[in-house]
Protein backbone atom coordinates (compact mmCIF):
# COMPACT_ATOMS: atom_id res chain seq x y z
CA MET A 1 23.30 -18.02 12.61
CA PRO A 2 20.59 -17.58 15.34
CA SER A 3 17.60 -19.80 14.83
CA LEU A 4 14.37 -18.26 16.64
CA PRO A 5 12.44 -21.27 17.58
CA THR A 6 15.18 -21.99 20.09
CA GLY A 7 16.63 -18.22 20.57
CA PRO A 8 15.39 -16.13 23.84
CA VAL A 9 11.83 -14.31 23.83
CA ARG A 10 13.10 -10.71 23.76
CA ALA A 11 9.90 -9.11 24.49
CA ARG A 12 6.00 -10.04 25.08
CA LEU A 13 4.56 -7.83 23.74
CA PHE A 14 1.11 -8.55 26.15
CA ASP A 15 2.91 -7.62 29.20
CA PRO A 16 1.21 -4.25 30.96
CA GLU A 17 5.01 -3.23 31.46
CA PHE A 18 5.30 -2.82 27.56
CA ALA A 19 1.68 -1.26 26.92
CA ALA A 20 3.47 1.41 29.57
CA ASP A 21 6.14 2.39 27.66
CA PRO A 22 6.61 0.61 24.18
CA ALA A 23 9.37 3.31 23.28
CA ARG A 24 11.74 1.68 26.02
CA THR A 25 10.99 -1.86 24.74
CA TYR A 26 11.77 -0.80 21.38
CA ALA A 27 15.13 1.22 21.92
CA ARG A 28 16.11 -2.55 24.21
CA LEU A 29 15.61 -4.65 21.17
CA ARG A 30 17.59 -2.39 18.70
CA GLU A 31 20.44 -4.13 20.54
CA TYR A 32 19.67 -7.61 18.64
CA GLY A 33 19.17 -5.82 15.68
CA ASP A 34 16.67 -5.44 12.74
CA VAL A 35 14.97 -8.81 13.44
CA VAL A 36 14.32 -9.99 16.48
CA PRO A 37 12.08 -12.98 18.50
CA VAL A 38 8.80 -12.08 20.23
CA GLU A 39 5.91 -13.01 21.78
CA LEU A 40 2.65 -12.07 20.91
CA ALA A 41 0.27 -14.18 23.32
CA PRO A 42 1.22 -16.63 26.04
CA GLY A 43 3.50 -19.13 24.04
CA VAL A 44 2.28 -17.84 20.73
CA PRO A 45 6.13 -16.66 19.06
CA ALA A 46 6.89 -14.25 16.31
CA THR A 47 9.38 -12.62 14.79
CA LEU A 48 8.79 -8.48 14.67
CA ILE A 49 10.17 -6.31 12.25
CA ILE A 50 11.99 -3.29 14.07
CA GLY A 51 14.47 -1.52 11.43
CA TYR A 52 12.94 0.94 8.97
CA THR A 53 14.66 -0.60 5.50
CA ALA A 54 13.89 -4.15 6.84
CA ALA A 55 10.06 -3.29 7.20
CA LEU A 56 10.27 -2.31 3.75
CA GLU A 57 11.79 -4.98 2.26
CA VAL A 58 8.86 -7.31 3.68
CA LEU A 59 6.02 -5.28 2.84
CA ARG A 60 7.31 -5.05 -0.78
CA ASP A 61 7.73 -8.84 -1.39
CA PRO A 62 4.64 -10.68 -1.02
CA VAL A 63 6.03 -13.66 -3.10
CA THR A 64 8.61 -14.75 0.40
CA PHE A 65 6.19 -13.03 2.75
CA PRO A 66 2.47 -14.19 1.97
CA LYS A 67 -0.40 -13.04 3.89
CA ASP A 68 -2.07 -16.58 4.05
CA PRO A 69 -2.17 -17.20 7.81
CA ARG A 70 -4.00 -20.90 7.58
CA ARG A 71 -0.74 -22.94 8.02
CA TRP A 72 -0.31 -21.38 11.08
CA GLU A 73 -3.74 -21.63 12.19
CA LYS A 74 -3.02 -25.16 12.82
CA ARG A 75 -0.72 -25.18 15.30
CA VAL A 76 -1.94 -22.44 17.97
CA SER A 77 -5.20 -22.94 19.67
CA ARG A 78 -8.94 -22.02 19.17
CA ASP A 79 -8.63 -20.28 22.38
CA CYS A 80 -5.57 -18.04 21.57
CA PRO A 81 -6.44 -14.45 22.65
CA VAL A 82 -4.48 -13.47 19.00
CA LEU A 83 -6.28 -15.48 16.74
CA PRO A 84 -9.47 -13.64 15.90
CA LEU A 85 -7.22 -10.68 14.40
CA MET A 86 -4.94 -13.12 13.21
CA MET A 87 -6.87 -15.69 11.32
CA TYR A 88 -7.72 -16.31 7.79
CA ARG A 89 -10.46 -14.46 5.97
CA PRO A 90 -11.39 -14.24 2.03
CA ASN A 91 -10.28 -10.27 2.42
CA CYS A 92 -7.79 -8.12 0.46
CA MET A 93 -5.71 -7.94 3.61
CA TYR A 94 -4.73 -11.65 3.76
CA THR A 95 -4.71 -12.81 0.61
CA ASP A 96 -2.12 -12.34 -2.36
CA GLY A 97 -1.81 -12.60 -6.30
CA ASN A 98 -5.09 -12.43 -8.18
CA VAL A 99 -7.52 -12.98 -5.26
CA HIS A 100 -6.05 -9.97 -3.76
CA ALA A 101 -6.48 -7.57 -6.65
CA ARG A 102 -9.49 -8.88 -7.43
CA LEU A 103 -11.20 -8.42 -3.90
CA ARG A 104 -8.63 -4.64 -3.04
CA GLN A 105 -10.28 -3.56 -6.07
CA VAL A 106 -14.08 -3.79 -4.80
CA VAL A 107 -12.80 -2.58 -1.50
CA THR A 108 -10.44 0.32 -3.41
CA ASP A 109 -13.65 1.35 -5.97
CA GLY A 110 -15.88 0.80 -2.49
CA LEU A 111 -14.10 3.92 -0.89
CA VAL A 112 -13.35 6.05 -3.91
CA SER A 113 -17.27 6.22 -4.45
CA VAL A 114 -17.27 7.88 -1.06
CA ASP A 115 -17.82 11.55 -1.57
CA PRO A 116 -15.15 13.79 0.08
CA ASN A 117 -17.45 16.83 0.79
CA VAL A 118 -20.38 14.31 1.99
CA LEU A 119 -18.13 12.23 4.20
CA ARG A 120 -16.65 15.68 5.32
CA ASP A 121 -20.58 16.47 6.56
CA HIS A 122 -20.75 13.76 7.95
CA VAL A 123 -17.75 14.03 10.02
CA GLU A 124 -18.60 17.95 10.89
CA ASN A 125 -22.17 16.35 11.91
CA SER A 126 -21.48 13.84 14.26
CA ALA A 127 -18.70 15.85 16.43
CA GLU A 128 -20.75 18.98 16.88
CA ALA A 129 -23.88 16.58 17.94
CA LEU A 130 -21.23 14.81 20.47
CA ILE A 131 -19.32 17.82 21.84
CA ARG A 132 -22.72 19.72 22.70
CA GLU A 133 -23.19 16.09 24.78
CA PHE A 134 -20.09 17.80 27.20
CA ARG A 135 -19.21 20.99 26.29
CA SER A 136 -21.35 23.07 29.52
CA ALA A 137 -20.05 20.42 32.05
CA GLY A 138 -16.27 21.90 31.49
CA GLU A 139 -14.72 18.51 31.66
CA ALA A 140 -15.28 15.45 29.41
CA ASP A 141 -12.84 11.94 28.56
CA LEU A 142 -12.29 12.99 24.44
CA LEU A 143 -11.76 9.34 24.09
CA GLY A 144 -15.10 7.81 25.55
CA GLN A 145 -17.07 10.84 24.94
CA PHE A 146 -15.17 11.51 21.80
CA ALA A 147 -12.81 9.61 19.89
CA ARG A 148 -14.25 6.52 20.19
CA PRO A 149 -18.06 6.72 19.17
CA LEU A 150 -17.21 9.53 16.02
CA PRO A 151 -15.62 7.42 13.97
CA LEU A 152 -18.71 4.65 14.91
CA MET A 153 -20.91 7.04 13.63
CA VAL A 154 -18.93 8.30 10.33
CA PHE A 155 -18.39 4.29 9.65
CA SER A 156 -22.17 3.50 10.38
CA GLN A 157 -23.14 6.26 8.04
CA ALA A 158 -21.58 5.50 5.23
CA LEU A 159 -21.91 1.84 5.26
CA GLY A 160 -25.96 2.04 5.84
CA CYS A 161 -25.42 0.44 9.18
CA PRO A 162 -28.39 0.72 11.53
CA PRO A 163 -26.83 3.16 14.87
CA ASP A 164 -27.48 -0.10 17.51
CA LEU A 165 -25.77 -2.73 15.16
CA SER A 166 -22.92 -0.68 14.76
CA GLU A 167 -22.70 -0.12 18.41
CA ARG A 168 -22.24 -4.10 18.89
CA LEU A 169 -19.80 -4.72 16.58
CA ALA A 170 -17.42 -1.22 17.91
CA ALA A 171 -18.07 -3.02 21.23
CA HIS A 172 -16.49 -6.39 19.63
CA TYR A 173 -13.71 -5.12 17.78
CA LYS A 174 -12.81 -3.68 20.63
CA GLY A 175 -12.80 -7.60 22.39
CA ILE A 176 -10.47 -8.44 19.40
CA PHE A 177 -7.82 -6.04 20.22
CA ASP A 178 -7.46 -5.94 23.62
CA GLY A 179 -7.78 -10.41 23.38
CA VAL A 180 -10.29 -10.48 26.29
CA ASP A 181 -12.95 -13.25 25.55
CA ALA A 182 -12.05 -12.68 22.01
CA LYS A 183 -13.40 -15.65 20.43
CA ARG A 184 -16.90 -14.83 21.72
CA ALA A 185 -16.08 -11.13 19.97
CA ASN A 186 -15.15 -12.84 17.01
CA ALA A 187 -18.53 -14.46 16.76
CA GLY A 188 -20.84 -12.16 17.34
CA LEU A 189 -19.11 -9.41 15.03
CA THR A 190 -19.06 -11.69 12.37
CA ARG A 191 -23.00 -12.40 13.23
CA GLY A 192 -23.49 -8.71 13.56
CA VAL A 193 -21.91 -8.01 10.06
CA ALA A 194 -24.26 -11.05 8.39
CA GLU A 195 -26.39 -9.25 9.26
CA LEU A 196 -25.78 -5.70 7.55
CA ILE A 197 -25.13 -7.68 4.22
CA ALA A 198 -28.50 -9.16 4.39
CA LEU A 199 -30.18 -6.24 5.16
CA LYS A 200 -28.54 -4.30 2.63
CA ARG A 201 -28.87 -7.50 0.05
CA GLN A 202 -33.01 -7.14 0.76
CA ASN A 203 -32.79 -3.81 0.82
CA PRO A 204 -29.74 -1.68 -1.27
CA GLU A 205 -29.03 1.73 -0.73
CA HIS A 206 -26.76 4.29 -1.90
CA ASP A 207 -24.43 3.61 1.03
CA LEU A 208 -20.75 1.50 0.97
CA ALA A 209 -22.13 -1.90 1.66
CA SER A 210 -24.36 -1.78 -0.62
CA ARG A 211 -21.91 -0.96 -3.70
CA ILE A 212 -19.68 -3.68 -2.49
CA LEU A 213 -22.33 -5.67 -3.14
CA ALA A 214 -22.88 -4.67 -6.61
CA HIS A 215 -19.71 -4.54 -7.55
CA PRO A 216 -19.07 -6.23 -10.97
CA ALA A 217 -16.57 -8.55 -9.57
CA GLY A 218 -19.55 -10.13 -8.00
CA LEU A 219 -18.76 -11.05 -4.40
CA SER A 220 -20.24 -13.69 -2.31
CA ASP A 221 -21.98 -13.03 1.05
CA GLU A 222 -18.94 -14.38 2.53
CA GLU A 223 -16.71 -12.34 0.67
CA ALA A 224 -18.95 -8.99 1.34
CA LEU A 225 -19.24 -9.76 4.86
CA HIS A 226 -15.16 -9.78 5.07
CA GLN A 227 -14.67 -6.74 3.13
CA VAL A 228 -17.29 -5.26 5.25
CA LEU A 229 -15.75 -6.42 8.14
CA LEU A 230 -12.31 -5.42 6.97
CA LEU A 231 -13.60 -1.52 6.56
CA MET A 232 -15.50 -1.56 9.76
CA GLY A 233 -12.18 -2.62 11.66
CA ALA A 234 -10.17 -0.02 10.17
CA GLY A 235 -12.94 2.72 10.28
CA ALA A 236 -13.12 1.70 14.49
CA GLU A 237 -10.23 0.82 16.52
CA PRO A 238 -7.24 2.25 14.06
CA GLU A 239 -9.34 5.84 13.66
CA GLN A 240 -9.95 6.14 17.31
CA ASN A 241 -6.46 5.75 18.95
CA LEU A 242 -5.71 8.21 15.86
CA ILE A 243 -7.71 10.93 17.01
CA ALA A 244 -7.02 10.63 20.75
CA ASN A 245 -3.38 10.06 20.36
CA THR A 246 -2.87 13.34 18.07
CA LEU A 247 -5.74 14.86 20.53
CA ARG A 248 -3.05 13.67 23.48
CA LEU A 249 0.10 15.06 21.87
CA MET A 250 -1.42 18.02 21.34
CA LEU A 251 -2.39 18.63 24.74
CA THR A 252 1.00 17.52 25.99
CA SER A 253 3.55 18.65 23.83
CA ASP A 254 4.41 22.37 24.72
CA GLN A 255 5.97 22.25 20.89
CA VAL A 256 2.93 20.82 18.85
CA ALA A 257 -0.17 22.86 20.78
CA GLY A 258 1.94 26.02 20.54
CA ASP A 259 2.54 25.28 16.63
CA VAL A 260 -1.39 24.39 16.17
CA TRP A 261 -2.42 27.17 18.32
CA GLY A 262 -0.08 29.60 16.65
CA GLY A 263 -1.31 28.56 12.50
CA ASN A 264 2.55 27.24 12.15
CA LEU A 265 1.46 23.66 12.11
CA LEU A 266 -1.82 22.36 10.12
CA ILE A 267 -3.08 19.38 11.81
CA GLU A 268 -2.73 17.24 9.02
CA ASP A 269 0.98 17.89 10.22
CA ALA A 270 0.08 17.02 13.54
CA LEU A 271 -1.53 13.97 12.61
CA ASP A 272 1.66 12.45 10.55
CA GLU A 273 3.82 13.66 13.73
CA LEU A 274 1.65 11.56 15.84
CA LEU A 275 1.98 8.78 12.91
CA TRP A 276 5.83 8.73 12.91
CA THR A 277 5.62 8.55 16.73
CA ASP A 278 3.39 6.69 18.30
CA PRO A 279 1.06 5.28 15.42
CA PRO A 280 -2.16 3.77 16.99
CA ILE A 281 -1.71 0.35 15.41
CA ALA A 282 1.96 -0.38 16.62
CA ASN A 283 2.49 -3.83 15.14
CA PHE A 284 0.49 -5.16 12.39
CA ALA A 285 1.05 -6.09 8.95
CA PHE A 286 1.29 -9.96 9.40
CA THR A 287 3.05 -12.29 7.14
CA TYR A 288 3.54 -16.45 7.46
CA PRO A 289 6.55 -17.58 5.06
CA GLU A 290 5.90 -20.57 4.07
CA ARG A 291 9.63 -22.26 4.33
CA ASP A 292 12.62 -20.92 5.96
CA VAL A 293 13.45 -17.63 5.01
CA GLU A 294 16.94 -16.66 6.06
CA PHE A 295 16.39 -13.19 6.46
CA ARG A 296 19.49 -10.19 7.66
CA GLY A 297 21.40 -13.12 9.04
CA VAL A 298 18.41 -14.81 11.45
CA LEU A 299 16.82 -17.88 10.03
CA LEU A 300 12.71 -17.12 10.06
CA PRO A 301 10.61 -20.57 10.36
CA ALA A 302 7.90 -21.42 7.92
CA ASP A 303 4.84 -20.83 8.97
CA GLN A 304 5.70 -18.38 12.45
CA PRO A 305 4.30 -14.84 12.16
CA VAL A 306 6.24 -12.08 10.80
CA VAL A 307 4.94 -8.86 12.09
CA ILE A 308 6.13 -4.95 11.23
CA SER A 309 6.58 -2.71 13.89
CA PHE A 310 5.55 0.23 12.03
CA ALA A 311 6.34 2.13 16.00
CA ALA A 312 9.59 0.80 15.73
CA ALA A 313 10.86 1.11 12.38
CA ASN A 314 9.20 4.57 11.92
CA THR A 315 11.49 5.79 15.37
CA ASP A 316 14.59 3.69 14.06
CA PRO A 317 17.52 6.06 14.22
CA SER A 318 18.26 5.92 10.50
CA THR A 319 14.72 7.70 9.82
CA ALA A 320 15.76 10.43 12.14
CA SER A 321 15.61 14.42 10.92
CA GLY A 322 15.36 17.56 12.68
CA ASN A 323 12.21 18.98 10.67
CA ARG A 324 9.26 16.07 9.56
CA VAL A 325 6.59 18.84 8.74
CA GLY A 326 5.10 17.55 5.35
CA ASN A 327 7.67 14.65 5.41
CA ARG A 328 4.92 11.66 5.04
CA ALA A 329 7.44 8.68 4.35
CA HIS A 330 6.46 6.97 7.76
CA LEU A 331 5.34 2.86 7.03
CA ALA A 332 1.87 4.08 9.43
CA TRP A 333 0.04 3.23 6.42
CA GLY A 334 1.60 0.18 5.94
CA GLY A 335 3.51 -0.31 2.63
CA GLY A 336 3.75 -1.96 -0.30
CA PRO A 337 0.77 -4.21 -2.41
CA HIS A 338 -0.94 -4.32 1.19
CA ALA A 339 -0.35 -0.40 2.06
CA CYS A 340 -4.08 0.61 3.74
CA PRO A 341 -6.11 1.66 0.91
CA ALA A 342 -8.02 3.99 3.00
CA LYS A 343 -5.36 6.37 4.05
CA ARG A 344 -7.31 9.52 2.82
CA PRO A 345 -10.66 9.36 4.05
CA ALA A 346 -9.33 8.00 7.60
CA GLN A 347 -6.78 10.85 7.41
CA LEU A 348 -9.79 13.25 6.47
CA ILE A 349 -12.31 12.27 9.50
CA ALA A 350 -9.27 12.73 12.33
CA THR A 351 -8.48 16.31 10.38
CA VAL A 352 -11.98 17.48 10.88
CA ALA A 353 -13.17 15.85 13.69
CA ILE A 354 -9.86 17.22 15.78
CA GLU A 355 -10.58 20.45 13.72
CA ARG A 356 -14.21 20.52 15.04
CA LEU A 357 -13.34 20.03 18.55
CA LEU A 358 -11.09 22.77 18.82
CA ASP A 359 -13.04 25.09 17.52
CA SER A 360 -15.77 24.06 19.96
CA LEU A 361 -13.56 24.22 23.14
CA PRO A 362 -10.91 26.70 23.46
CA GLY A 363 -8.75 26.68 26.00
CA MET A 364 -8.91 22.87 26.50
CA GLU A 365 -5.83 20.96 28.73
CA PRO A 366 -5.28 18.19 29.80
CA ALA A 367 -6.94 16.98 33.57
CA VAL A 368 -4.52 14.95 34.03
CA PRO A 369 -0.34 14.73 33.68
CA ALA A 370 0.63 12.66 30.83
CA ALA A 371 2.74 10.55 33.13
CA GLU A 372 -0.44 9.33 34.60
CA LEU A 373 -2.57 8.62 31.27
CA GLU A 374 -3.42 4.47 31.00
CA TRP A 375 -2.90 2.72 28.21
CA ARG A 376 -4.65 -0.60 27.09
CA THR A 377 -2.76 -3.69 26.98
CA GLY A 378 -2.46 -5.86 23.63
CA PRO A 379 0.40 -6.21 21.40
CA PHE A 380 -1.05 -4.69 18.47
CA HIS A 381 -2.75 -1.48 18.90
CA ARG A 382 -1.18 1.82 21.12
CA ALA A 383 -4.81 2.71 23.13
CA LEU A 384 -5.52 4.90 25.69
CA THR A 385 -7.70 3.67 28.56
CA ALA A 386 -9.73 7.87 28.90
CA LEU A 387 -8.79 10.94 27.79
CA PRO A 388 -9.77 13.10 30.54
CA VAL A 389 -9.35 17.28 29.90
CA ARG A 390 -10.86 19.99 31.16
CA PHE A 391 -12.21 23.21 29.35
CA PRO A 392 -13.72 26.17 30.47
CA PRO A 393 -17.75 25.70 29.82
CA VAL A 394 -19.40 26.37 26.63
CA PHE A 395 -23.33 27.67 25.96
CA GLY A 396 -24.26 28.09 22.51
CA GLY A 397 -22.98 27.60 18.99
CA THR A 398 -19.66 26.34 18.10
CA GLY A 399 -17.46 28.43 16.98
CA ASP A 400 -15.31 28.93 13.63
CA ALA A 401 -11.85 30.95 15.50
CA HIS A 402 -9.17 28.44 14.20
CA ARG A 403 -10.53 26.72 11.22
CA ALA A 404 -7.35 28.05 9.59
CA ARG A 405 -5.24 25.26 11.13
CA SER A 406 -6.30 22.58 8.77
CA GLY A 407 -5.43 24.88 6.08
CA ARG A 408 -9.43 26.04 5.17
């Protein structure tokens, strides 16, 4: 039986080559099976699960594959670039059992309390405000000028977070995902959310952060801080990449673009096509076996991270089908007891944002060939550095000609 600590590293997920063409890496890794040794950062080994059914097994078995990373943390440097994203926090992502159930209930109840009609209005107003800034120019970077700031604006409103603070937090989240000065970014992130918690303790309002603090579970300030950190993290990096990457797909795939503009494909279905083929969080859902585990003929060492490759699992040849429209069995939202609780608001934000953009800027096209788009390095995300487009300049109000694309 092969043992991962002595086996060769099959891929370094922090290399620029991986960021440029992860599909090629996943295809090569399939030669070694569903369970492969990788490095998340220099000298940080992990096991990557790339098979669809194997990923489901791990996601659905929190006893064998628990989420608490504290034993692993003792083995890595404090300056490890992936530590801030993988380190223990008292939130529902890094806990199991009764603790997880209590913390997750707070998050779930908070999200359920967000009125989808109010959320839709927030998204539409934010999108239109951003579009007004560049629609007369005839060109824009849809990542920097639209996809990145929009989720921040929406989640800031939902959480009751002041705009200047939310901008600082977004910059810190980017630093953590990129692994660039991640230790400093993590410290800044923690300080910023602590400011928000203190503000809401003193002046509670009708917002998500205040409802988390007032929940019957009675969270401590530290627990509340880390639930808000989790929600803001989900609303920053993954959401901006979901919007930007779906727009890239619609702009560079003739079939997808034709189906959307022709009314044969709803924006929700375009989102799911992206989530199948190129999910914005490609490798995540860390677990840490407490003892050596034999899994699919491979010995997984105790306390070494086991990471789910949503991107590789979703493109596992065993999942291939001729038509995926309406098929939402992909793993981009995770699975098992730790499946993403923010799925519905995340989908709504992305759908409405893309709808408003397409309504407002007819004739939009890529400003550079698809092959020239650049991707940020990092083991976890699938993230563009920019998405430049051009379009006929628009002067005046936004239009509603294509609202039917989203089924409205």
